[in-house]
Amino acid sequence: MISSSGRIFGRPRGNYFAGVFACVKAWEGPLPEGIVGIEFYTDIEPDPSSPPGWPEWSEGRAGVIVLERNELVAIPVVVTMRRDAE
């Protein structure tokens, strides 16, 4: 779905650091060997308050597309590599 839409989607954090606003969350750098996922580039700047190595793009930031307020956002991306489960 990411490759065909050209977007990565995000919802509010639901773990220990649960959040109110939806955000796209990513790992910075190349995809580690053996991990299922994608590598991508985007022209949208991540939140300046993102944790080191874990960029986030939150609802309300320039370039972040709100699909469902407080529930679902997306950023435009170019996928450079995809690794599926074997």
C-alpha atoms as a PDB file:
ATOM      1  CA  MET A   1       0.000   0.000   0.000  1.00  0.00           C
ATOM      2  CA  ILE A   2       2.884   2.384   0.746  1.00  0.00           C
ATOM      3  CA  SER A   3       4.510   1.797  -2.641  1.00  0.00           C
ATOM      4  CA  SER A   4       1.267   2.280  -4.565  1.00  0.00           C
ATOM      5  CA  SER A   5       0.067   5.356  -2.629  1.00  0.00           C
ATOM      6  CA  GLY A   6       3.444   7.069  -2.192  1.00  0.00           C
ATOM      7  CA  ARG A   7       2.530   7.755   1.442  1.00  0.00           C
ATOM      8  CA  ILE A   8       3.412   6.395   4.864  1.00  0.00           C
ATOM      9  CA  PHE A   9       0.615   6.521   7.423  1.00  0.00           C
ATOM     10  CA  GLY A  10       0.692   7.043  11.181  1.00  0.00           C
ATOM     11  CA  ARG A  11      -1.626   6.925  14.169  1.00  0.00           C
ATOM     12  CA  PRO A  12      -1.248   8.214  17.750  1.00  0.00           C
ATOM     13  CA  ARG A  13       1.331   6.413  19.861  1.00  0.00           C
ATOM     14  CA  GLY A  14      -0.332   3.719  21.916  1.00  0.00           C
ATOM     15  CA  ASN A  15       2.564   2.392  23.967  1.00  0.00           C
ATOM     16  CA  TYR A  16       4.267   3.626  27.141  1.00  0.00           C
ATOM     17  CA  PHE A  17       4.724   7.086  25.596  1.00  0.00           C
ATOM     18  CA  ALA A  18       1.117   7.257  24.339  1.00  0.00           C
ATOM     19  CA  GLY A  19       0.216  10.414  22.472  1.00  0.00           C
ATOM     20  CA  VAL A  20      -2.863  12.455  21.659  1.00  0.00           C
ATOM     21  CA  PHE A  21      -1.949  13.421  18.101  1.00  0.00           C
ATOM     22  CA  ALA A  22      -1.392  11.124  15.156  1.00  0.00           C
ATOM     23  CA  CYS A  23       2.158  10.937  13.815  1.00  0.00           C
ATOM     24  CA  VAL A  24       4.243   8.940  11.371  1.00  0.00           C
ATOM     25  CA  LYS A  25       7.114   7.227  13.185  1.00  0.00           C
ATOM     26  CA  ALA A  26      10.283   5.818  11.606  1.00  0.00           C
ATOM     27  CA  TRP A  27      13.734   4.409  12.289  1.00  0.00           C
ATOM     28  CA  GLU A  28      16.578   6.606  10.995  1.00  0.00           C
ATOM     29  CA  GLY A  29      19.099   4.946   8.716  1.00  0.00           C
ATOM     30  CA  PRO A  30      19.200   1.761   6.651  1.00  0.00           C
ATOM     31  CA  LEU A  31      16.855  -1.118   7.394  1.00  0.00           C
ATOM     32  CA  PRO A  32      18.777  -3.673   9.499  1.00  0.00           C
ATOM     33  CA  GLU A  33      19.467  -7.040   7.841  1.00  0.00           C
ATOM     34  CA  GLY A  34      16.645  -9.531   8.355  1.00  0.00           C
ATOM     35  CA  ILE A  35      14.052  -6.900   9.344  1.00  0.00           C
ATOM     36  CA  VAL A  36      10.812  -6.628   7.343  1.00  0.00           C
ATOM     37  CA  GLY A  37      10.025  -3.072   6.252  1.00  0.00           C
ATOM     38  CA  ILE A  38      10.866  -0.291   3.834  1.00  0.00           C
ATOM     39  CA  GLU A  39      13.479   2.401   3.359  1.00  0.00           C
ATOM     40  CA  PHE A  40      12.232   5.755   2.112  1.00  0.00           C
ATOM     41  CA  TYR A  41      12.997   9.423   1.560  1.00  0.00           C
ATOM     42  CA  THR A  42      10.698  12.384   2.103  1.00  0.00           C
ATOM     43  CA  ASP A  43      11.030  16.126   1.622  1.00  0.00           C
ATOM     44  CA  ILE A  44       9.001  16.748   4.787  1.00  0.00           C
ATOM     45  CA  GLU A  45      11.163  17.787   7.734  1.00  0.00           C
ATOM     46  CA  PRO A  46      10.645  15.650  10.859  1.00  0.00           C
ATOM     47  CA  ASP A  47       9.516  17.196  14.134  1.00  0.00           C
ATOM     48  CA  PRO A  48      12.409  19.017  15.832  1.00  0.00           C
ATOM     49  CA  SER A  49      11.440  17.312  19.097  1.00  0.00           C
ATOM     50  CA  SER A  50      11.798  13.785  17.648  1.00  0.00           C
ATOM     51  CA  PRO A  51      13.900  11.408  19.768  1.00  0.00           C
ATOM     52  CA  PRO A  52      17.420  10.873  18.362  1.00  0.00           C
ATOM     53  CA  GLY A  53      17.332   8.158  15.702  1.00  0.00           C
ATOM     54  CA  TRP A  54      13.503   8.018  15.667  1.00  0.00           C
ATOM     55  CA  PRO A  55      12.105  10.773  13.407  1.00  0.00           C
ATOM     56  CA  GLU A  56       8.410  11.605  13.722  1.00  0.00           C
ATOM     57  CA  TRP A  57       6.063  13.708  11.619  1.00  0.00           C
ATOM     58  CA  SER A  58       3.119  14.943  13.705  1.00  0.00           C
ATOM     59  CA  GLU A  59      -0.338  16.194  12.848  1.00  0.00           C
ATOM     60  CA  GLY A  60      -0.277  19.962  12.449  1.00  0.00           C
ATOM     61  CA  ARG A  61       3.229  20.171  10.959  1.00  0.00           C
ATOM     62  CA  ALA A  62       3.763  21.574   7.471  1.00  0.00           C
ATOM     63  CA  GLY A  63       3.549  18.838   4.845  1.00  0.00           C
ATOM     64  CA  VAL A  64       1.813  16.286   7.076  1.00  0.00           C
ATOM     65  CA  ILE A  65      -1.489  15.207   5.491  1.00  0.00           C
ATOM     66  CA  VAL A  66      -4.374  14.832   7.947  1.00  0.00           C
ATOM     67  CA  LEU A  67      -6.655  12.004   6.818  1.00  0.00           C
ATOM     68  CA  GLU A  68      -8.657  11.721  10.029  1.00  0.00           C
ATOM     69  CA  ARG A  69      -8.163  14.380  12.714  1.00  0.00           C
ATOM     70  CA  ASN A  70      -6.346  13.008  15.806  1.00  0.00           C
ATOM     71  CA  GLU A  71      -6.450   9.500  14.271  1.00  0.00           C
ATOM     72  CA  LEU A  72      -4.586   9.165  10.957  1.00  0.00           C
ATOM     73  CA  VAL A  73      -1.934  11.197   9.128  1.00  0.00           C
ATOM     74  CA  ALA A  74       0.426  10.555   6.222  1.00  0.00           C
ATOM     75  CA  ILE A  75       3.562  11.952   4.626  1.00  0.00           C
ATOM     76  CA  PRO A  76       4.553  11.664   0.955  1.00  0.00           C
ATOM     77  CA  VAL A  77       7.565   9.379   0.421  1.00  0.00           C
ATOM     78  CA  VAL A  78       9.729   7.785  -2.224  1.00  0.00           C
ATOM     79  CA  VAL A  79      10.333   4.131  -1.360  1.00  0.00           C
ATOM     80  CA  THR A  80      13.937   3.106  -2.098  1.00  0.00           C
ATOM     81  CA  MET A  81      13.863  -0.466  -0.754  1.00  0.00           C
ATOM     82  CA  ARG A  82      11.250  -2.962   0.408  1.00  0.00           C
ATOM     83  CA  ARG A  83      11.816  -6.206   2.297  1.00  0.00           C
ATOM     84  CA  ASP A  84       8.907  -8.610   2.765  1.00  0.00           C
ATOM     85  CA  ALA A  85       8.585 -11.535   5.189  1.00  0.00           C
ATOM     86  CA  GLU A  86       9.983 -14.743   3.756  1.00  0.00           C
END
